[in-house]
Structure formats: structure tokens, C-alpha cells
Amino acid sequence: MIKNSNIGVAYYDHELQECFLQNSSVNFTVVRPVGLTNSSQEQTIQVTLENNMPKPKLTISRLSTAKFMLDCLEHHLFIRKKPIISAQS
């Protein structure tokens, strides 16, 4: 689907941006949430890294995503990593 639609352009841009970051000396965290929801319920977050384990779930709330990003910033978590985050079921 990505290769045969316009969405591939956006993914290509993301990939280029991440390559620039990885080849720099900048400390970064690229947070990759799965499908975002508007739930106001606080969720336990499942983090998936490079090896795609544990397999990410399908959704996470915008609220939980924002809290995760703030935690990463405040506590210097996942430096130079690209965590995929989803709601733990």
C-alpha cells in the first residue's frame, strides 16, 4: 500500500529526516505512535524497539503519546532511539 499510494512520499520524508538525525551528533528521540485515538483514559504504554518485539498493538491515545514524549524529555529516555509506542492491552 505504501509503495503504491501517495502515503509513500510522507514515509520517505520521515526516513530522510531520521537519516539526518542518525548521522548527526544531536541527541534525539523519534517517537513513533501507532494509530492515534482521542481517548481520555490513561493507558499503559508498550514500547517496541528495532527488533519489532513485542509486536505493537494497533492504537494509542494522543494523551498517552504526549505523556510519553514528556517523560522522554524530562528523564532523558530513549536517547538516539526510535521507539514505537502503543497501548498495552
PDB file of N, CA and C in Angstrom:
ATOM      1  N   MET A   1       0.825  -1.184   0.000  1.00  0.00           N
ATOM      2  CA  MET A   1       0.000   0.000   0.000  1.00  0.00           C
ATOM      3  C   MET A   1       0.875   1.256   0.000  1.00  0.00           C
ATOM      4  N   ILE A   2       1.927   1.258   0.814  1.00  0.00           N
ATOM      5  CA  ILE A   2       2.772   2.447   0.927  1.00  0.00           C
ATOM      6  C   ILE A   2       3.459   2.757  -0.402  1.00  0.00           C
ATOM      7  N   LYS A   3       3.953   1.733  -1.074  1.00  0.00           N
ATOM      8  CA  LYS A   3       4.665   1.939  -2.336  1.00  0.00           C
ATOM      9  C   LYS A   3       3.739   2.388  -3.465  1.00  0.00           C
ATOM     10  N   ASN A   4       2.468   2.016  -3.388  1.00  0.00           N
ATOM     11  CA  ASN A   4       1.535   2.290  -4.486  1.00  0.00           C
ATOM     12  C   ASN A   4       0.552   3.412  -4.192  1.00  0.00           C
ATOM     13  N   SER A   5       0.856   4.244  -3.207  1.00  0.00           N
ATOM     14  CA  SER A   5      -0.039   5.362  -2.896  1.00  0.00           C
ATOM     15  C   SER A   5       0.794   6.600  -2.569  1.00  0.00           C
ATOM     16  N   ASN A   6       0.111   7.696  -2.356  1.00  0.00           N
ATOM     17  CA  ASN A   6       0.787   8.949  -2.011  1.00  0.00           C
ATOM     18  C   ASN A   6       1.373   8.941  -0.610  1.00  0.00           C
ATOM     19  N   ILE A   7       0.933   8.032   0.228  1.00  0.00           N
ATOM     20  CA  ILE A   7       1.440   7.990   1.599  1.00  0.00           C
ATOM     21  C   ILE A   7       2.938   7.647   1.620  1.00  0.00           C
ATOM     22  N   GLY A   8       3.409   6.975   0.582  1.00  0.00           N
ATOM     23  CA  GLY A   8       4.825   6.630   0.499  1.00  0.00           C
ATOM     24  C   GLY A   8       5.732   7.852   0.519  1.00  0.00           C
ATOM     25  N   VAL A   9       5.265   8.969  -0.043  1.00  0.00           N
ATOM     26  CA  VAL A   9       6.048  10.208  -0.057  1.00  0.00           C
ATOM     27  C   VAL A   9       6.318  10.680   1.376  1.00  0.00           C
ATOM     28  N   ALA A  10       5.305  10.643   2.209  1.00  0.00           N
ATOM     29  CA  ALA A  10       5.469  11.069   3.605  1.00  0.00           C
ATOM     30  C   ALA A  10       6.432  10.140   4.346  1.00  0.00           C
ATOM     31  N   TYR A  11       6.313   8.839   4.121  1.00  0.00           N
ATOM     32  CA  TYR A  11       7.223   7.897   4.769  1.00  0.00           C
ATOM     33  C   TYR A  11       8.657   8.111   4.298  1.00  0.00           C
ATOM     34  N   TYR A  12       8.826   8.400   3.038  1.00  0.00           N
ATOM     35  CA  TYR A  12      10.162   8.673   2.501  1.00  0.00           C
ATOM     36  C   TYR A  12      10.753   9.903   3.181  1.00  0.00           C
ATOM     37  N   ASP A  13       9.947  10.953   3.353  1.00  0.00           N
ATOM     38  CA  ASP A  13      10.403  12.164   4.036  1.00  0.00           C
ATOM     39  C   ASP A  13      10.805  11.862   5.477  1.00  0.00           C
ATOM     40  N   HIS A  14      10.012  11.058   6.165  1.00  0.00           N
ATOM     41  CA  HIS A  14      10.351  10.674   7.546  1.00  0.00           C
ATOM     42  C   HIS A  14      11.687   9.938   7.572  1.00  0.00           C
ATOM     43  N   GLU A  15      11.868   9.040   6.639  1.00  0.00           N
ATOM     44  CA  GLU A  15      13.106   8.260   6.575  1.00  0.00           C
ATOM     45  C   GLU A  15      14.315   9.174   6.353  1.00  0.00           C
ATOM     46  N   LEU A  16      14.183  10.149   5.465  1.00  0.00           N
ATOM     47  CA  LEU A  16      15.273  11.102   5.219  1.00  0.00           C
ATOM     48  C   LEU A  16      15.605  11.904   6.475  1.00  0.00           C
ATOM     49  N   GLN A  17      14.577  12.380   7.152  1.00  0.00           N
ATOM     50  CA  GLN A  17      14.789  13.158   8.382  1.00  0.00           C
ATOM     51  C   GLN A  17      15.520  12.318   9.427  1.00  0.00           C
ATOM     52  N   GLU A  18      15.119  11.074   9.571  1.00  0.00           N
ATOM     53  CA  GLU A  18      15.738  10.205  10.564  1.00  0.00           C
ATOM     54  C   GLU A  18      17.187   9.893  10.199  1.00  0.00           C
ATOM     55  N   CYS A  19      17.481   9.762   8.922  1.00  0.00           N
ATOM     56  CA  CYS A  19      18.868   9.547   8.486  1.00  0.00           C
ATOM     57  C   CYS A  19      19.733  10.751   8.858  1.00  0.00           C
ATOM     58  N   PHE A  20      19.212  11.946   8.640  1.00  0.00           N
ATOM     59  CA  PHE A  20      19.957  13.150   9.025  1.00  0.00           C
ATOM     60  C   PHE A  20      20.235  13.154  10.527  1.00  0.00           C
ATOM     61  N   LEU A  21      19.234  12.810  11.315  1.00  0.00           N
ATOM     62  CA  LEU A  21      19.428  12.766  12.767  1.00  0.00           C
ATOM     63  C   LEU A  21      20.471  11.731  13.163  1.00  0.00           C
ATOM     64  N   GLN A  22      20.359  10.535  12.610  1.00  0.00           N
ATOM     65  CA  GLN A  22      21.287   9.462  12.977  1.00  0.00           C
ATOM     66  C   GLN A  22      22.720   9.787  12.587  1.00  0.00           C
ATOM     67  N   ASN A  23      22.902  10.535  11.531  1.00  0.00           N
ATOM     68  CA  ASN A  23      24.242  10.890  11.076  1.00  0.00           C
ATOM     69  C   ASN A  23      24.757  12.176  11.711  1.00  0.00           C
ATOM     70  N   SER A  24      24.015  12.707  12.659  1.00  0.00           N
ATOM     71  CA  SER A  24      24.418  13.937  13.341  1.00  0.00           C
ATOM     72  C   SER A  24      24.878  13.594  14.761  1.00  0.00           C
ATOM     73  N   SER A  25      25.308  14.611  15.463  1.00  0.00           N
ATOM     74  CA  SER A  25      25.698  14.424  16.867  1.00  0.00           C
ATOM     75  C   SER A  25      24.568  14.837  17.817  1.00  0.00           C
ATOM     76  N   VAL A  26      23.408  15.092  17.282  1.00  0.00           N
ATOM     77  CA  VAL A  26      22.257  15.533  18.062  1.00  0.00           C
ATOM     78  C   VAL A  26      21.681  14.358  18.863  1.00  0.00           C
ATOM     79  N   ASN A  27      21.359  14.620  20.128  1.00  0.00           N
ATOM     80  CA  ASN A  27      20.620  13.630  20.915  1.00  0.00           C
ATOM     81  C   ASN A  27      19.154  13.756  20.553  1.00  0.00           C
ATOM     82  N   PHE A  28      18.561  12.697  20.080  1.00  0.00           N
ATOM     83  CA  PHE A  28      17.176  12.733  19.622  1.00  0.00           C
ATOM     84  C   PHE A  28      16.426  11.526  20.155  1.00  0.00           C
ATOM     85  N   THR A  29      15.119  11.631  20.147  1.00  0.00           N
ATOM     86  CA  THR A  29      14.220  10.502  20.344  1.00  0.00           C
ATOM     87  C   THR A  29      13.109  10.661  19.313  1.00  0.00           C
ATOM     88  N   VAL A  30      12.977   9.706  18.417  1.00  0.00           N
ATOM     89  CA  VAL A  30      11.913   9.732  17.414  1.00  0.00           C
ATOM     90  C   VAL A  30      10.804   8.827  17.939  1.00  0.00           C
ATOM     91  N   VAL A  31       9.715   9.426  18.374  1.00  0.00           N
ATOM     92  CA  VAL A  31       8.588   8.657  18.899  1.00  0.00           C
ATOM     93  C   VAL A  31       7.665   8.313  17.737  1.00  0.00           C
ATOM     94  N   ARG A  32       7.371   7.023  17.606  1.00  0.00           N
ATOM     95  CA  ARG A  32       6.525   6.539  16.517  1.00  0.00           C
ATOM     96  C   ARG A  32       5.255   5.916  17.094  1.00  0.00           C
ATOM     97  N   PRO A  33       4.229   6.727  17.300  1.00  0.00           N
ATOM     98  CA  PRO A  33       2.977   6.150  17.800  1.00  0.00           C
ATOM     99  C   PRO A  33       2.260   5.398  16.682  1.00  0.00           C
ATOM    100  N   VAL A  34       1.508   4.396  17.079  1.00  0.00           N
ATOM    101  CA  VAL A  34       0.652   3.686  16.114  1.00  0.00           C
ATOM    102  C   VAL A  34      -0.591   4.546  15.895  1.00  0.00           C
ATOM    103  N   GLY A  35      -1.702   3.972  15.488  1.00  0.00           N
ATOM    104  CA  GLY A  35      -2.920   4.740  15.237  1.00  0.00           C
ATOM    105  C   GLY A  35      -3.369   5.523  16.461  1.00  0.00           C
ATOM    106  N   LEU A  36      -3.509   6.825  16.303  1.00  0.00           N
ATOM    107  CA  LEU A  36      -3.870   7.700  17.418  1.00  0.00           C
ATOM    108  C   LEU A  36      -5.381   7.762  17.628  1.00  0.00           C
ATOM    109  N   THR A  37      -5.778   7.748  18.914  1.00  0.00           N
ATOM    110  CA  THR A  37      -7.191   7.885  19.277  1.00  0.00           C
ATOM    111  C   THR A  37      -7.370   9.112  20.160  1.00  0.00           C
ATOM    112  N   ASN A  38      -8.606   9.503  20.370  1.00  0.00           N
ATOM    113  CA  ASN A  38      -8.921  10.646  21.220  1.00  0.00           C
ATOM    114  C   ASN A  38      -9.320  10.237  22.629  1.00  0.00           C
ATOM    115  N   SER A  39      -9.012   9.021  23.029  1.00  0.00           N
ATOM    116  CA  SER A  39      -9.386   8.537  24.354  1.00  0.00           C
ATOM    117  C   SER A  39      -8.770   9.417  25.446  1.00  0.00           C
ATOM    118  N   SER A  40      -9.551   9.701  26.478  1.00  0.00           N
ATOM    119  CA  SER A  40      -9.039  10.473  27.618  1.00  0.00           C
ATOM    120  C   SER A  40      -8.630   9.555  28.762  1.00  0.00           C
ATOM    121  N   GLN A  41      -8.702   8.262  28.525  1.00  0.00           N
ATOM    122  CA  GLN A  41      -8.306   7.275  29.523  1.00  0.00           C
ATOM    123  C   GLN A  41      -6.787   7.115  29.500  1.00  0.00           C
ATOM    124  N   GLU A  42      -6.172   7.111  30.692  1.00  0.00           N
ATOM    125  CA  GLU A  42      -4.729   6.898  30.754  1.00  0.00           C
ATOM    126  C   GLU A  42      -4.425   5.436  30.443  1.00  0.00           C
ATOM    127  N   GLN A  43      -3.461   5.221  29.577  1.00  0.00           N
ATOM    128  CA  GLN A  43      -3.137   3.878  29.124  1.00  0.00           C
ATOM    129  C   GLN A  43      -1.715   3.501  29.531  1.00  0.00           C
ATOM    130  N   THR A  44      -1.517   2.212  29.757  1.00  0.00           N
ATOM    131  CA  THR A  44      -0.161   1.708  29.959  1.00  0.00           C
ATOM    132  C   THR A  44       0.466   1.580  28.590  1.00  0.00           C
ATOM    133  N   ILE A  45       1.683   2.082  28.462  1.00  0.00           N
ATOM    134  CA  ILE A  45       2.328   2.127  27.154  1.00  0.00           C
ATOM    135  C   ILE A  45       3.235   0.920  26.948  1.00  0.00           C
ATOM    136  N   GLN A  46       3.124   0.340  25.780  1.00  0.00           N
ATOM    137  CA  GLN A  46       4.028  -0.727  25.363  1.00  0.00           C
ATOM    138  C   GLN A  46       5.037  -0.109  24.400  1.00  0.00           C
ATOM    139  N   VAL A  47       6.320  -0.324  24.663  1.00  0.00           N
ATOM    140  CA  VAL A  47       7.387   0.211  23.821  1.00  0.00           C
ATOM    141  C   VAL A  47       7.978  -0.922  22.983  1.00  0.00           C
ATOM    142  N   THR A  48       8.092  -0.672  21.709  1.00  0.00           N
ATOM    143  CA  THR A  48       8.695  -1.619  20.783  1.00  0.00           C
ATOM    144  C   THR A  48       9.895  -0.925  20.140  1.00  0.00           C
ATOM    145  N   LEU A  49      11.032  -1.614  20.135  1.00  0.00           N
ATOM    146  CA  LEU A  49      12.231  -1.030  19.540  1.00  0.00           C
ATOM    147  C   LEU A  49      12.592  -1.743  18.245  1.00  0.00           C
ATOM    148  N   GLU A  50      13.803  -1.598  17.799  1.00  0.00           N
ATOM    149  CA  GLU A  50      14.296  -2.039  16.494  1.00  0.00           C
ATOM    150  C   GLU A  50      13.840  -3.435  16.062  1.00  0.00           C
ATOM    151  N   ASN A  51      13.866  -4.396  16.956  1.00  0.00           N
ATOM    152  CA  ASN A  51      13.591  -5.781  16.565  1.00  0.00           C
ATOM    153  C   ASN A  51      12.097  -6.088  16.415  1.00  0.00           C
ATOM    154  N   ASN A  52      11.261  -5.059  16.568  1.00  0.00           N
ATOM    155  CA  ASN A  52       9.803  -5.170  16.422  1.00  0.00           C
ATOM    156  C   ASN A  52       9.171  -6.136  17.433  1.00  0.00           C
ATOM    157  N   MET A  53       9.834  -6.267  18.586  1.00  0.00           N
ATOM    158  CA  MET A  53       9.296  -7.093  19.662  1.00  0.00           C
ATOM    159  C   MET A  53       9.217  -6.274  20.927  1.00  0.00           C
ATOM    160  N   PRO A  54       8.156  -6.328  21.671  1.00  0.00           N
ATOM    161  CA  PRO A  54       6.929  -7.037  21.348  1.00  0.00           C
ATOM    162  C   PRO A  54       6.202  -6.342  20.198  1.00  0.00           C
ATOM    163  N   LYS A  55       5.426  -7.129  19.510  1.00  0.00           N
ATOM    164  CA  LYS A  55       4.683  -6.593  18.369  1.00  0.00           C
ATOM    165  C   LYS A  55       3.752  -5.483  18.845  1.00  0.00           C
ATOM    166  N   PRO A  56       3.789  -4.308  18.194  1.00  0.00           N
ATOM    167  CA  PRO A  56       2.934  -3.201  18.632  1.00  0.00           C
ATOM    168  C   PRO A  56       1.450  -3.521  18.459  1.00  0.00           C
ATOM    169  N   LYS A  57       0.654  -2.965  19.350  1.00  0.00           N
ATOM    170  CA  LYS A  57      -0.802  -3.051  19.204  1.00  0.00           C
ATOM    171  C   LYS A  57      -1.229  -2.025  18.154  1.00  0.00           C
ATOM    172  N   LEU A  58      -2.521  -1.882  17.929  1.00  0.00           N
ATOM    173  CA  LEU A  58      -2.996  -1.035  16.830  1.00  0.00           C
ATOM    174  C   LEU A  58      -3.174   0.437  17.172  1.00  0.00           C
ATOM    175  N   THR A  59      -3.438   0.756  18.451  1.00  0.00           N
ATOM    176  CA  THR A  59      -3.769   2.144  18.780  1.00  0.00           C
ATOM    177  C   THR A  59      -3.080   2.615  20.058  1.00  0.00           C
ATOM    178  N   ILE A  60      -3.090   3.928  20.222  1.00  0.00           N
ATOM    179  CA  ILE A  60      -2.672   4.593  21.452  1.00  0.00           C
ATOM    180  C   ILE A  60      -3.340   5.972  21.458  1.00  0.00           C
ATOM    181  N   SER A  61      -3.638   6.470  22.630  1.00  0.00           N
ATOM    182  CA  SER A  61      -4.304   7.781  22.704  1.00  0.00           C
ATOM    183  C   SER A  61      -3.291   8.908  22.522  1.00  0.00           C
ATOM    184  N   ARG A  62      -3.797  10.015  22.036  1.00  0.00           N
ATOM    185  CA  ARG A  62      -2.968  11.210  21.916  1.00  0.00           C
ATOM    186  C   ARG A  62      -2.462  11.642  23.294  1.00  0.00           C
ATOM    187  N   LEU A  63      -3.312  11.503  24.309  1.00  0.00           N
ATOM    188  CA  LEU A  63      -2.940  11.866  25.676  1.00  0.00           C
ATOM    189  C   LEU A  63      -1.750  11.026  26.151  1.00  0.00           C
ATOM    190  N   SER A  64      -1.814   9.722  25.976  1.00  0.00           N
ATOM    191  CA  SER A  64      -0.727   8.841  26.402  1.00  0.00           C
ATOM    192  C   SER A  64       0.547   9.103  25.602  1.00  0.00           C
ATOM    193  N   THR A  65       0.393   9.423  24.332  1.00  0.00           N
ATOM    194  CA  THR A  65       1.543   9.743  23.488  1.00  0.00           C
ATOM    195  C   THR A  65       2.233  11.005  23.998  1.00  0.00           C
ATOM    196  N   ALA A  66       1.447  12.016  24.294  1.00  0.00           N
ATOM    197  CA  ALA A  66       2.014  13.268  24.805  1.00  0.00           C
ATOM    198  C   ALA A  66       2.735  13.041  26.136  1.00  0.00           C
ATOM    199  N   LYS A  67       2.135  12.272  27.029  1.00  0.00           N
ATOM    200  CA  LYS A  67       2.775  11.984  28.320  1.00  0.00           C
ATOM    201  C   LYS A  67       4.082  11.220  28.125  1.00  0.00           C
ATOM    202  N   PHE A  68       4.094  10.265  27.209  1.00  0.00           N
ATOM    203  CA  PHE A  68       5.310   9.511  26.917  1.00  0.00           C
ATOM    204  C   PHE A  68       6.413  10.445  26.415  1.00  0.00           C
ATOM    205  N   MET A  69       6.054  11.341  25.519  1.00  0.00           N
ATOM    206  CA  MET A  69       7.037  12.271  24.970  1.00  0.00           C
ATOM    207  C   MET A  69       7.601  13.188  26.055  1.00  0.00           C
ATOM    208  N   LEU A  70       6.741  13.654  26.950  1.00  0.00           N
ATOM    209  CA  LEU A  70       7.221  14.482  28.055  1.00  0.00           C
ATOM    210  C   LEU A  70       8.133  13.697  28.985  1.00  0.00           C
ATOM    211  N   ASP A  71       7.781  12.446  29.274  1.00  0.00           N
ATOM    212  CA  ASP A  71       8.637  11.594  30.107  1.00  0.00           C
ATOM    213  C   ASP A  71      10.005  11.402  29.457  1.00  0.00           C
ATOM    214  N   CYS A  72      10.021  11.167  28.160  1.00  0.00           N
ATOM    215  CA  CYS A  72      11.290  11.009  27.444  1.00  0.00           C
ATOM    216  C   CYS A  72      12.148  12.263  27.577  1.00  0.00           C
ATOM    217  N   LEU A  73      11.532  13.400  27.433  1.00  0.00           N
ATOM    218  CA  LEU A  73      12.245  14.668  27.517  1.00  0.00           C
ATOM    219  C   LEU A  73      12.750  14.930  28.936  1.00  0.00           C
ATOM    220  N   GLU A  74      11.873  14.765  29.912  1.00  0.00           N
ATOM    221  CA  GLU A  74      12.234  15.077  31.305  1.00  0.00           C
ATOM    222  C   GLU A  74      13.257  14.106  31.888  1.00  0.00           C
ATOM    223  N   HIS A  75      13.202  12.836  31.483  1.00  0.00           N
ATOM    224  CA  HIS A  75      14.043  11.804  32.099  1.00  0.00           C
ATOM    225  C   HIS A  75      15.129  11.273  31.162  1.00  0.00           C
ATOM    226  N   HIS A  76      15.295  11.931  30.025  1.00  0.00           N
ATOM    227  CA  HIS A  76      16.340  11.560  29.059  1.00  0.00           C
ATOM    228  C   HIS A  76      16.237  10.086  28.659  1.00  0.00           C
ATOM    229  N   LEU A  77      15.042   9.672  28.289  1.00  0.00           N
ATOM    230  CA  LEU A  77      14.783   8.282  27.905  1.00  0.00           C
ATOM    231  C   LEU A  77      14.911   8.092  26.396  1.00  0.00           C
ATOM    232  N   PHE A  78      15.341   6.921  25.993  1.00  0.00           N
ATOM    233  CA  PHE A  78      15.389   6.502  24.588  1.00  0.00           C
ATOM    234  C   PHE A  78      16.207   7.456  23.718  1.00  0.00           C
ATOM    235  N   ILE A  79      17.320   7.926  24.260  1.00  0.00           N
ATOM    236  CA  ILE A  79      18.191   8.824  23.510  1.00  0.00           C
ATOM    237  C   ILE A  79      18.784   8.073  22.316  1.00  0.00           C
ATOM    238  N   ARG A  80      18.686   8.725  21.148  1.00  0.00           N
ATOM    239  CA  ARG A  80      19.163   8.169  19.869  1.00  0.00           C
ATOM    240  C   ARG A  80      18.454   6.856  19.520  1.00  0.00           C
ATOM    241  N   LYS A  81      17.199   6.762  19.935  1.00  0.00           N
ATOM    242  CA  LYS A  81      16.371   5.580  19.634  1.00  0.00           C
ATOM    243  C   LYS A  81      15.080   6.034  18.950  1.00  0.00           C
ATOM    244  N   LYS A  82      14.357   5.054  18.396  1.00  0.00           N
ATOM    245  CA  LYS A  82      13.105   5.319  17.698  1.00  0.00           C
ATOM    246  C   LYS A  82      12.026   4.362  18.219  1.00  0.00           C
ATOM    247  N   PRO A  83      11.526   4.614  19.426  1.00  0.00           N
ATOM    248  CA  PRO A  83      10.524   3.706  19.987  1.00  0.00           C
ATOM    249  C   PRO A  83       9.170   3.816  19.289  1.00  0.00           C
ATOM    250  N   ILE A  84       8.602   2.668  18.994  1.00  0.00           N
ATOM    251  CA  ILE A  84       7.205   2.590  18.545  1.00  0.00           C
ATOM    252  C   ILE A  84       6.390   2.417  19.809  1.00  0.00           C
ATOM    253  N   ILE A  85       5.374   3.222  19.979  1.00  0.00           N
ATOM    254  CA  ILE A  85       4.562   3.100  21.203  1.00  0.00           C
ATOM    255  C   ILE A  85       3.121   2.747  20.848  1.00  0.00           C
ATOM    256  N   SER A  86       2.539   1.891  21.693  1.00  0.00           N
ATOM    257  CA  SER A  86       1.144   1.504  21.541  1.00  0.00           C
ATOM    258  C   SER A  86       0.563   1.254  22.923  1.00  0.00           C
ATOM    259  N   ALA A  87      -0.744   1.188  22.998  1.00  0.00           N
ATOM    260  CA  ALA A  87      -1.420   0.927  24.284  1.00  0.00           C
ATOM    261  C   ALA A  87      -1.319  -0.558  24.596  1.00  0.00           C
ATOM    262  N   GLN A  88      -0.839  -0.838  25.776  1.00  0.00           N
ATOM    263  CA  GLN A  88      -0.748  -2.234  26.209  1.00  0.00           C
ATOM    264  C   GLN A  88      -2.141  -2.721  26.559  1.00  0.00           C
ATOM    265  N   SER A  89      -2.485  -3.910  26.116  1.00  0.00           N
ATOM    266  CA  SER A  89      -3.846  -4.400  26.393  1.00  0.00           C
ATOM    267  C   SER A  89      -3.884  -5.264  27.618  1.00  0.00           C
TER     268      SER A  89
END
